[in-house]
């Protein structure tokens, strides 16, 4: 089975090159534990593969196993525009890597659909005031954010890496515009559609944003769940990552008795620093 690289070389090398094509993966973690940095690294390093092969070889190396690079890379946000995201990513990674890698990334900002029914002033997210014609529009004339998101995936997800930043935003909007069950059903439909797209979708989630029961519902709606957490050891706090479930991936880790990864953040983004095995 062909795989699409996550963009983290030491992880991809352990799992046959990356995630199986057609996968929807939930990346969930505590604040600062590495989930968001993983998302940034995945977008930038996959972009670097086509935009600057020499830099890619320096910071990643050769593709592993049956890995096939994505045809396109899309970074989807519900609350931030491209300039904001570029700035945030540059806080995590070296400027040279970010500038080269993001040249191959297409950003899509769904702020207008996300905020349109909220009390947030239009100029805050759209950069413009509402016109007289806007005031005359009814809610039924506007696209729901989930509908806009689905239309975008239908058009762009085939063969692509799609990073969604973040599922937390959709869950935070559920009180106003949607129920949690709407999000779960959307993910189940997304998982089914992704089989035909042969791409890779990464969904970022802040773990504290959902209850244990809600988290369980989200896990059963995707193909794989990777969790990021802080651990205290002596005088140090260590970032860790472990795979809760993942078709085509968890079995490989179990064969090697790998139970957890220690991770770190450096100039080239998220990386695996050590592997914890069953002793």
C-alpha atoms as a PDB file:
ATOM      1  CA  UNK A   1       0.000   0.000   0.000  1.00  0.00           C
ATOM      2  CA  UNK A   2       1.364   3.414  -0.954  1.00  0.00           C
ATOM      3  CA  UNK A   3       1.934   5.861   1.888  1.00  0.00           C
ATOM      4  CA  UNK A   4       2.125   9.651   2.166  1.00  0.00           C
ATOM      5  CA  UNK A   5       4.909  11.063   4.352  1.00  0.00           C
ATOM      6  CA  UNK A   6       4.011  12.836   7.579  1.00  0.00           C
ATOM      7  CA  UNK A   7       7.166  14.881   7.056  1.00  0.00           C
ATOM      8  CA  UNK A   8       8.831  13.645  10.270  1.00  0.00           C
ATOM      9  CA  UNK A   9      11.640  11.436   8.980  1.00  0.00           C
ATOM     10  CA  UNK A  10      12.290   9.343  12.108  1.00  0.00           C
ATOM     11  CA  UNK A  11       8.580   8.573  12.417  1.00  0.00           C
ATOM     12  CA  UNK A  12       8.030   7.872   8.715  1.00  0.00           C
ATOM     13  CA  UNK A  13      11.005   5.519   8.722  1.00  0.00           C
ATOM     14  CA  UNK A  14       9.429   3.420  11.482  1.00  0.00           C
ATOM     15  CA  UNK A  15       6.034   3.029   9.798  1.00  0.00           C
ATOM     16  CA  UNK A  16       6.915   2.222   6.206  1.00  0.00           C
ATOM     17  CA  UNK A  17       7.084   5.741   4.832  1.00  0.00           C
ATOM     18  CA  UNK A  18       4.086   7.499   6.354  1.00  0.00           C
ATOM     19  CA  UNK A  19       0.311   7.147   6.549  1.00  0.00           C
ATOM     20  CA  UNK A  20      -1.611   4.892   4.139  1.00  0.00           C
ATOM     21  CA  UNK A  21      -3.212   6.795   1.275  1.00  0.00           C
ATOM     22  CA  UNK A  22      -6.820   7.707   1.989  1.00  0.00           C
ATOM     23  CA  UNK A  23      -6.271   8.237   5.731  1.00  0.00           C
ATOM     24  CA  UNK A  24      -7.931  10.777   8.023  1.00  0.00           C
ATOM     25  CA  UNK A  25      -5.764  11.312  11.114  1.00  0.00           C
ATOM     26  CA  UNK A  26      -6.605  13.090  14.362  1.00  0.00           C
ATOM     27  CA  UNK A  27      -3.640  14.842  16.019  1.00  0.00           C
ATOM     28  CA  UNK A  28      -4.643  15.570  19.602  1.00  0.00           C
ATOM     29  CA  UNK A  29      -2.603  16.968  22.430  1.00  0.00           C
ATOM     30  CA  UNK A  30      -2.073  19.153  25.429  1.00  0.00           C
ATOM     31  CA  UNK A  31      -1.148  22.772  24.769  1.00  0.00           C
ATOM     32  CA  UNK A  32       2.498  23.033  23.704  1.00  0.00           C
ATOM     33  CA  UNK A  33       3.047  19.270  23.674  1.00  0.00           C
ATOM     34  CA  UNK A  34       3.789  19.135  19.956  1.00  0.00           C
ATOM     35  CA  UNK A  35       0.563  18.507  18.033  1.00  0.00           C
ATOM     36  CA  UNK A  36       0.500  21.937  16.392  1.00  0.00           C
ATOM     37  CA  UNK A  37       4.235  21.800  15.660  1.00  0.00           C
ATOM     38  CA  UNK A  38       3.668  18.400  14.047  1.00  0.00           C
ATOM     39  CA  UNK A  39       1.060  20.005  11.765  1.00  0.00           C
ATOM     40  CA  UNK A  40       3.425  22.829  10.812  1.00  0.00           C
ATOM     41  CA  UNK A  41       6.283  20.418  10.121  1.00  0.00           C
ATOM     42  CA  UNK A  42       4.129  18.156   7.983  1.00  0.00           C
ATOM     43  CA  UNK A  43       3.044  21.035   5.738  1.00  0.00           C
ATOM     44  CA  UNK A  44       6.482  22.647   5.461  1.00  0.00           C
ATOM     45  CA  UNK A  45       8.603  19.513   4.947  1.00  0.00           C
ATOM     46  CA  UNK A  46       6.221  18.031   2.383  1.00  0.00           C
ATOM     47  CA  UNK A  47       6.292  21.379   0.600  1.00  0.00           C
ATOM     48  CA  UNK A  48      10.069  21.418   0.764  1.00  0.00           C
ATOM     49  CA  UNK A  49      10.223  18.081  -1.051  1.00  0.00           C
ATOM     50  CA  UNK A  50       9.097  19.705  -4.300  1.00  0.00           C
ATOM     51  CA  UNK A  51      10.100  23.335  -3.714  1.00  0.00           C
ATOM     52  CA  UNK A  52      13.733  22.795  -2.649  1.00  0.00           C
ATOM     53  CA  UNK A  53      14.976  19.171  -2.953  1.00  0.00           C
ATOM     54  CA  UNK A  54      18.421  20.061  -1.568  1.00  0.00           C
ATOM     55  CA  UNK A  55      16.985  21.529   1.650  1.00  0.00           C
ATOM     56  CA  UNK A  56      14.609  18.568   1.882  1.00  0.00           C
ATOM     57  CA  UNK A  57      17.495  16.120   1.610  1.00  0.00           C
ATOM     58  CA  UNK A  58      19.404  18.030   4.290  1.00  0.00           C
ATOM     59  CA  UNK A  59      16.573  18.120   6.833  1.00  0.00           C
ATOM     60  CA  UNK A  60      14.617  14.937   5.969  1.00  0.00           C
ATOM     61  CA  UNK A  61      16.710  12.679   3.753  1.00  0.00           C
ATOM     62  CA  UNK A  62      15.356  10.064   1.352  1.00  0.00           C
ATOM     63  CA  UNK A  63      11.707   9.050   1.369  1.00  0.00           C
ATOM     64  CA  UNK A  64      11.106   5.815   3.270  1.00  0.00           C
ATOM     65  CA  UNK A  65       9.434   2.550   2.286  1.00  0.00           C
ATOM     66  CA  UNK A  66       6.528   2.923  -0.124  1.00  0.00           C
ATOM     67  CA  UNK A  67       6.177   6.681   0.391  1.00  0.00           C
ATOM     68  CA  UNK A  68       4.826   8.825  -2.439  1.00  0.00           C
ATOM     69  CA  UNK A  69       4.860  12.617  -1.965  1.00  0.00           C
ATOM     70  CA  UNK A  70       1.468  14.347  -2.113  1.00  0.00           C
ATOM     71  CA  UNK A  71       0.509  16.002  -5.388  1.00  0.00           C
ATOM     72  CA  UNK A  72      -0.509  19.206  -3.596  1.00  0.00           C
ATOM     73  CA  UNK A  73      -0.529  20.572  -0.052  1.00  0.00           C
ATOM     74  CA  UNK A  74      -3.451  22.537   1.374  1.00  0.00           C
ATOM     75  CA  UNK A  75      -3.531  24.277   4.730  1.00  0.00           C
ATOM     76  CA  UNK A  76      -7.109  24.951   5.879  1.00  0.00           C
ATOM     77  CA  UNK A  77      -7.933  27.328   8.730  1.00  0.00           C
ATOM     78  CA  UNK A  78     -11.274  28.468  10.110  1.00  0.00           C
ATOM     79  CA  UNK A  79     -10.005  31.521  11.981  1.00  0.00           C
ATOM     80  CA  UNK A  80      -6.640  32.650  10.545  1.00  0.00           C
ATOM     81  CA  UNK A  81      -5.435  33.960   7.198  1.00  0.00           C
ATOM     82  CA  UNK A  82      -2.242  33.098   5.350  1.00  0.00           C
ATOM     83  CA  UNK A  83      -0.157  35.941   6.792  1.00  0.00           C
ATOM     84  CA  UNK A  84      -1.045  34.961  10.366  1.00  0.00           C
ATOM     85  CA  UNK A  85      -0.231  31.311   9.749  1.00  0.00           C
ATOM     86  CA  UNK A  86       3.081  32.044   8.040  1.00  0.00           C
ATOM     87  CA  UNK A  87       4.074  34.188  11.005  1.00  0.00           C
ATOM     88  CA  UNK A  88       3.091  31.505  13.519  1.00  0.00           C
ATOM     89  CA  UNK A  89       4.955  28.786  11.638  1.00  0.00           C
ATOM     90  CA  UNK A  90       8.083  30.956  11.438  1.00  0.00           C
ATOM     91  CA  UNK A  91       8.090  31.165  15.252  1.00  0.00           C
ATOM     92  CA  UNK A  92       8.571  27.379  15.319  1.00  0.00           C
ATOM     93  CA  UNK A  93      10.911  26.693  12.408  1.00  0.00           C
ATOM     94  CA  UNK A  94      13.910  28.263  10.675  1.00  0.00           C
ATOM     95  CA  UNK A  95      12.957  31.048   8.242  1.00  0.00           C
ATOM     96  CA  UNK A  96      14.827  29.501   5.304  1.00  0.00           C
ATOM     97  CA  UNK A  97      12.931  26.225   5.642  1.00  0.00           C
ATOM     98  CA  UNK A  98       9.580  27.944   6.162  1.00  0.00           C
ATOM     99  CA  UNK A  99       9.909  30.311   3.204  1.00  0.00           C
ATOM    100  CA  UNK A 100      10.936  27.534   0.818  1.00  0.00           C
ATOM    101  CA  UNK A 101       8.485  24.915   2.065  1.00  0.00           C
ATOM    102  CA  UNK A 102       5.425  27.161   2.170  1.00  0.00           C
ATOM    103  CA  UNK A 103       5.935  28.175  -1.468  1.00  0.00           C
ATOM    104  CA  UNK A 104       4.347  24.821  -2.311  1.00  0.00           C
ATOM    105  CA  UNK A 105       1.464  25.173   0.175  1.00  0.00           C
ATOM    106  CA  UNK A 106      -1.976  26.588  -0.677  1.00  0.00           C
ATOM    107  CA  UNK A 107      -3.734  28.317   2.219  1.00  0.00           C
ATOM    108  CA  UNK A 108      -7.512  28.490   2.541  1.00  0.00           C
ATOM    109  CA  UNK A 109      -9.166  30.762   5.101  1.00  0.00           C
ATOM    110  CA  UNK A 110     -12.777  30.017   6.084  1.00  0.00           C
ATOM    111  CA  UNK A 111     -13.040  32.939   8.510  1.00  0.00           C
ATOM    112  CA  UNK A 112     -15.953  34.554   6.619  1.00  0.00           C
ATOM    113  CA  UNK A 113     -18.080  31.403   6.829  1.00  0.00           C
ATOM    114  CA  UNK A 114     -16.979  30.681  10.393  1.00  0.00           C
ATOM    115  CA  UNK A 115     -17.669  34.121  11.860  1.00  0.00           C
ATOM    116  CA  UNK A 116     -20.595  35.263   9.690  1.00  0.00           C
ATOM    117  CA  UNK A 117     -23.340  34.435  12.203  1.00  0.00           C
ATOM    118  CA  UNK A 118     -21.351  35.513  15.251  1.00  0.00           C
ATOM    119  CA  UNK A 119     -21.278  38.947  16.917  1.00  0.00           C
ATOM    120  CA  UNK A 120     -17.656  39.414  15.761  1.00  0.00           C
ATOM    121  CA  UNK A 121     -17.407  42.604  13.622  1.00  0.00           C
ATOM    122  CA  UNK A 122     -16.946  41.850   9.935  1.00  0.00           C
ATOM    123  CA  UNK A 123     -13.873  44.089   9.622  1.00  0.00           C
ATOM    124  CA  UNK A 124     -12.069  41.911  12.183  1.00  0.00           C
ATOM    125  CA  UNK A 125     -12.097  38.813   9.989  1.00  0.00           C
ATOM    126  CA  UNK A 126     -12.896  40.019   6.459  1.00  0.00           C
ATOM    127  CA  UNK A 127     -11.041  43.314   6.497  1.00  0.00           C
ATOM    128  CA  UNK A 128     -14.124  45.227   5.406  1.00  0.00           C
ATOM    129  CA  UNK A 129     -17.382  46.630   6.759  1.00  0.00           C
ATOM    130  CA  UNK A 130     -20.727  45.126   5.894  1.00  0.00           C
ATOM    131  CA  UNK A 131     -22.408  46.840   2.965  1.00  0.00           C
ATOM    132  CA  UNK A 132     -26.088  47.686   2.570  1.00  0.00           C
ATOM    133  CA  UNK A 133     -26.485  44.641   0.339  1.00  0.00           C
ATOM    134  CA  UNK A 134     -24.890  42.443   3.007  1.00  0.00           C
ATOM    135  CA  UNK A 135     -27.412  43.674   5.538  1.00  0.00           C
ATOM    136  CA  UNK A 136     -30.203  42.639   3.214  1.00  0.00           C
ATOM    137  CA  UNK A 137     -28.984  39.072   2.869  1.00  0.00           C
ATOM    138  CA  UNK A 138     -30.729  36.400   4.898  1.00  0.00           C
ATOM    139  CA  UNK A 139     -28.918  33.618   6.714  1.00  0.00           C
ATOM    140  CA  UNK A 140     -30.215  31.142   4.137  1.00  0.00           C
ATOM    141  CA  UNK A 141     -28.167  32.939   1.457  1.00  0.00           C
ATOM    142  CA  UNK A 142     -24.912  32.160   3.243  1.00  0.00           C
ATOM    143  CA  UNK A 143     -22.876  29.009   3.071  1.00  0.00           C
ATOM    144  CA  UNK A 144     -22.494  27.043   6.275  1.00  0.00           C
ATOM    145  CA  UNK A 145     -18.840  26.577   7.289  1.00  0.00           C
ATOM    146  CA  UNK A 146     -19.103  22.769   7.089  1.00  0.00           C
ATOM    147  CA  UNK A 147     -20.625  23.017   3.622  1.00  0.00           C
ATOM    148  CA  UNK A 148     -17.847  25.358   2.452  1.00  0.00           C
ATOM    149  CA  UNK A 149     -15.230  23.032   3.959  1.00  0.00           C
ATOM    150  CA  UNK A 150     -16.743  19.972   2.239  1.00  0.00           C
ATOM    151  CA  UNK A 151     -16.882  21.746  -1.131  1.00  0.00           C
ATOM    152  CA  UNK A 152     -13.216  22.694  -0.824  1.00  0.00           C
ATOM    153  CA  UNK A 153     -12.185  19.112  -0.048  1.00  0.00           C
ATOM    154  CA  UNK A 154     -14.219  17.759  -2.960  1.00  0.00           C
ATOM    155  CA  UNK A 155     -12.255  20.025  -5.261  1.00  0.00           C
ATOM    156  CA  UNK A 156      -8.755  19.798  -3.788  1.00  0.00           C
ATOM    157  CA  UNK A 157      -8.257  16.739  -1.550  1.00  0.00           C
ATOM    158  CA  UNK A 158      -7.580  14.146  -4.244  1.00  0.00           C
ATOM    159  CA  UNK A 159      -3.958  13.013  -3.962  1.00  0.00           C
ATOM    160  CA  UNK A 160      -3.202  15.880  -1.583  1.00  0.00           C
ATOM    161  CA  UNK A 161      -2.021  16.456   1.943  1.00  0.00           C
ATOM    162  CA  UNK A 162      -4.699  18.558   3.650  1.00  0.00           C
ATOM    163  CA  UNK A 163      -3.927  20.069   7.049  1.00  0.00           C
ATOM    164  CA  UNK A 164      -6.970  21.264   9.027  1.00  0.00           C
ATOM    165  CA  UNK A 165      -6.222  23.849  11.716  1.00  0.00           C
ATOM    166  CA  UNK A 166      -8.252  23.222  13.618  1.00  0.00           C
ATOM    167  CA  UNK A 167     -11.041  20.895  14.603  1.00  0.00           C
ATOM    168  CA  UNK A 168     -11.007  22.730  17.934  1.00  0.00           C
ATOM    169  CA  UNK A 169     -12.455  25.814  16.239  1.00  0.00           C
ATOM    170  CA  UNK A 170     -15.407  23.874  14.854  1.00  0.00           C
ATOM    171  CA  UNK A 171     -16.086  22.324  18.240  1.00  0.00           C
ATOM    172  CA  UNK A 172     -15.923  25.764  19.854  1.00  0.00           C
ATOM    173  CA  UNK A 173     -18.623  27.008  17.457  1.00  0.00           C
ATOM    174  CA  UNK A 174     -21.029  24.158  18.139  1.00  0.00           C
ATOM    175  CA  UNK A 175     -23.092  26.057  20.686  1.00  0.00           C
ATOM    176  CA  UNK A 176     -24.016  28.735  18.156  1.00  0.00           C
ATOM    177  CA  UNK A 177     -24.264  27.127  14.755  1.00  0.00           C
ATOM    178  CA  UNK A 178     -23.930  23.358  14.974  1.00  0.00           C
ATOM    179  CA  UNK A 179     -24.261  20.377  17.275  1.00  0.00           C
ATOM    180  CA  UNK A 180     -21.359  18.124  18.219  1.00  0.00           C
ATOM    181  CA  UNK A 181     -23.133  15.298  16.396  1.00  0.00           C
ATOM    182  CA  UNK A 182     -22.865  17.364  13.174  1.00  0.00           C
ATOM    183  CA  UNK A 183     -19.082  17.384  13.534  1.00  0.00           C
ATOM    184  CA  UNK A 184     -18.935  13.652  14.219  1.00  0.00           C
ATOM    185  CA  UNK A 185     -21.113  12.873  11.196  1.00  0.00           C
ATOM    186  CA  UNK A 186     -18.982  15.167   9.035  1.00  0.00           C
ATOM    187  CA  UNK A 187     -15.852  13.251  10.071  1.00  0.00           C
ATOM    188  CA  UNK A 188     -17.483   9.905   9.315  1.00  0.00           C
ATOM    189  CA  UNK A 189     -18.476  11.146   5.876  1.00  0.00           C
ATOM    190  CA  UNK A 190     -14.990  12.561   5.413  1.00  0.00           C
ATOM    191  CA  UNK A 191     -13.390   9.220   6.249  1.00  0.00           C
ATOM    192  CA  UNK A 192     -15.575   7.490   3.668  1.00  0.00           C
ATOM    193  CA  UNK A 193     -14.838  10.070   0.961  1.00  0.00           C
ATOM    194  CA  UNK A 194     -11.098  10.041   1.712  1.00  0.00           C
ATOM    195  CA  UNK A 195     -10.843   6.421   0.548  1.00  0.00           C
ATOM    196  CA  UNK A 196     -11.442   7.636  -2.995  1.00  0.00           C
ATOM    197  CA  UNK A 197      -9.230  10.707  -2.724  1.00  0.00           C
ATOM    198  CA  UNK A 198      -6.038   8.732  -1.898  1.00  0.00           C
ATOM    199  CA  UNK A 199      -4.662  11.688   0.016  1.00  0.00           C
ATOM    200  CA  UNK A 200      -3.906  12.373   3.671  1.00  0.00           C
ATOM    201  CA  UNK A 201      -5.965  14.609   5.955  1.00  0.00           C
ATOM    202  CA  UNK A 202      -4.520  15.783   9.274  1.00  0.00           C
ATOM    203  CA  UNK A 203      -6.973  17.220  11.819  1.00  0.00           C
ATOM    204  CA  UNK A 204      -5.527  19.187  14.736  1.00  0.00           C
ATOM    205  CA  UNK A 205      -7.405  19.079  18.058  1.00  0.00           C
ATOM    206  CA  UNK A 206      -6.639  20.580  21.457  1.00  0.00           C
ATOM    207  CA  UNK A 207      -7.449  17.703  23.815  1.00  0.00           C
ATOM    208  CA  UNK A 208      -8.897  19.889  26.581  1.00  0.00           C
ATOM    209  CA  UNK A 209     -11.582  21.162  24.189  1.00  0.00           C
ATOM    210  CA  UNK A 210     -13.618  17.940  24.459  1.00  0.00           C
ATOM    211  CA  UNK A 211     -14.812  15.540  27.128  1.00  0.00           C
ATOM    212  CA  UNK A 212     -13.605  11.943  27.285  1.00  0.00           C
ATOM    213  CA  UNK A 213     -16.885  10.770  25.734  1.00  0.00           C
ATOM    214  CA  UNK A 214     -16.650  13.306  22.913  1.00  0.00           C
ATOM    215  CA  UNK A 215     -13.029  12.378  22.280  1.00  0.00           C
ATOM    216  CA  UNK A 216     -14.050   8.735  21.985  1.00  0.00           C
ATOM    217  CA  UNK A 217     -16.652   9.669  19.376  1.00  0.00           C
ATOM    218  CA  UNK A 218     -14.067  11.576  17.365  1.00  0.00           C
ATOM    219  CA  UNK A 219     -11.579   8.697  17.533  1.00  0.00           C
ATOM    220  CA  UNK A 220     -14.101   6.236  16.127  1.00  0.00           C
ATOM    221  CA  UNK A 221     -14.816   8.623  13.235  1.00  0.00           C
ATOM    222  CA  UNK A 222     -11.261   8.708  11.827  1.00  0.00           C
ATOM    223  CA  UNK A 223      -8.653   6.194  10.663  1.00  0.00           C
ATOM    224  CA  UNK A 224      -5.957   7.064  13.162  1.00  0.00           C
ATOM    225  CA  UNK A 225      -5.385   9.022  16.362  1.00  0.00           C
ATOM    226  CA  UNK A 226      -1.993  10.289  17.480  1.00  0.00           C
ATOM    227  CA  UNK A 227      -1.744  11.872  20.937  1.00  0.00           C
ATOM    228  CA  UNK A 228       0.825  14.348  22.231  1.00  0.00           C
ATOM    229  CA  UNK A 229       1.465  14.947  25.925  1.00  0.00           C
ATOM    230  CA  UNK A 230       3.881  16.341  28.498  1.00  0.00           C
ATOM    231  CA  UNK A 231       5.617  14.034  30.945  1.00  0.00           C
ATOM    232  CA  UNK A 232       7.643  15.052  33.978  1.00  0.00           C
ATOM    233  CA  UNK A 233      10.852  13.190  34.640  1.00  0.00           C
ATOM    234  CA  UNK A 234      13.095  14.464  37.408  1.00  0.00           C
ATOM    235  CA  UNK A 235      13.721  18.146  36.785  1.00  0.00           C
ATOM    236  CA  UNK A 236      12.659  18.039  33.130  1.00  0.00           C
ATOM    237  CA  UNK A 237       9.415  18.051  31.207  1.00  0.00           C
ATOM    238  CA  UNK A 238       9.476  15.803  28.156  1.00  0.00           C
ATOM    239  CA  UNK A 239       7.201  15.932  25.121  1.00  0.00           C
ATOM    240  CA  UNK A 240       5.866  12.507  24.166  1.00  0.00           C
ATOM    241  CA  UNK A 241       3.803  11.082  21.314  1.00  0.00           C
ATOM    242  CA  UNK A 242       1.959   7.799  21.018  1.00  0.00           C
ATOM    243  CA  UNK A 243      -0.405   6.194  18.512  1.00  0.00           C
ATOM    244  CA  UNK A 244      -3.777   5.326  20.042  1.00  0.00           C
ATOM    245  CA  UNK A 245      -5.075   3.554  16.952  1.00  0.00           C
ATOM    246  CA  UNK A 246      -4.236   3.680  13.272  1.00  0.00           C
ATOM    247  CA  UNK A 247      -4.987   1.207  10.497  1.00  0.00           C
ATOM    248  CA  UNK A 248      -1.811   0.125   8.749  1.00  0.00           C
ATOM    249  CA  UNK A 249       0.436   1.903  11.246  1.00  0.00           C
ATOM    250  CA  UNK A 250      -0.175   0.651  14.782  1.00  0.00           C
ATOM    251  CA  UNK A 251       0.609  -2.920  13.763  1.00  0.00           C
ATOM    252  CA  UNK A 252       4.093  -1.924  12.585  1.00  0.00           C
ATOM    253  CA  UNK A 253       4.836  -0.229  15.904  1.00  0.00           C
ATOM    254  CA  UNK A 254       3.552  -3.218  17.871  1.00  0.00           C
ATOM    255  CA  UNK A 255       5.833  -5.532  15.862  1.00  0.00           C
ATOM    256  CA  UNK A 256       8.798  -3.500  17.126  1.00  0.00           C
ATOM    257  CA  UNK A 257       7.344  -3.255  20.653  1.00  0.00           C
ATOM    258  CA  UNK A 258       7.288   0.547  20.364  1.00  0.00           C
ATOM    259  CA  UNK A 259       4.922   2.056  22.903  1.00  0.00           C
ATOM    260  CA  UNK A 260       5.857   5.727  22.829  1.00  0.00           C
ATOM    261  CA  UNK A 261       8.090   8.334  21.215  1.00  0.00           C
ATOM    262  CA  UNK A 262       9.981  11.081  22.975  1.00  0.00           C
ATOM    263  CA  UNK A 263       9.900  14.189  20.820  1.00  0.00           C
ATOM    264  CA  UNK A 264      11.519  17.598  20.483  1.00  0.00           C
ATOM    265  CA  UNK A 265      11.081  20.873  18.611  1.00  0.00           C
ATOM    266  CA  UNK A 266      14.076  22.386  16.811  1.00  0.00           C
ATOM    267  CA  UNK A 267      14.812  24.631  13.811  1.00  0.00           C
ATOM    268  CA  UNK A 268      13.539  22.005  11.367  1.00  0.00           C
ATOM    269  CA  UNK A 269      10.321  21.613  13.334  1.00  0.00           C
ATOM    270  CA  UNK A 270       8.911  18.582  15.116  1.00  0.00           C
ATOM    271  CA  UNK A 271      11.149  15.522  15.462  1.00  0.00           C
ATOM    272  CA  UNK A 272      11.431  12.208  17.259  1.00  0.00           C
ATOM    273  CA  UNK A 273      14.325  12.166  19.721  1.00  0.00           C
ATOM    274  CA  UNK A 274      13.966   8.694  21.245  1.00  0.00           C
ATOM    275  CA  UNK A 275      11.846   5.545  21.077  1.00  0.00           C
ATOM    276  CA  UNK A 276      10.423   3.839  24.153  1.00  0.00           C
ATOM    277  CA  UNK A 277       9.952   0.086  23.841  1.00  0.00           C
ATOM    278  CA  UNK A 278       8.407  -2.611  25.978  1.00  0.00           C
ATOM    279  CA  UNK A 279      11.192  -3.933  28.188  1.00  0.00           C
END
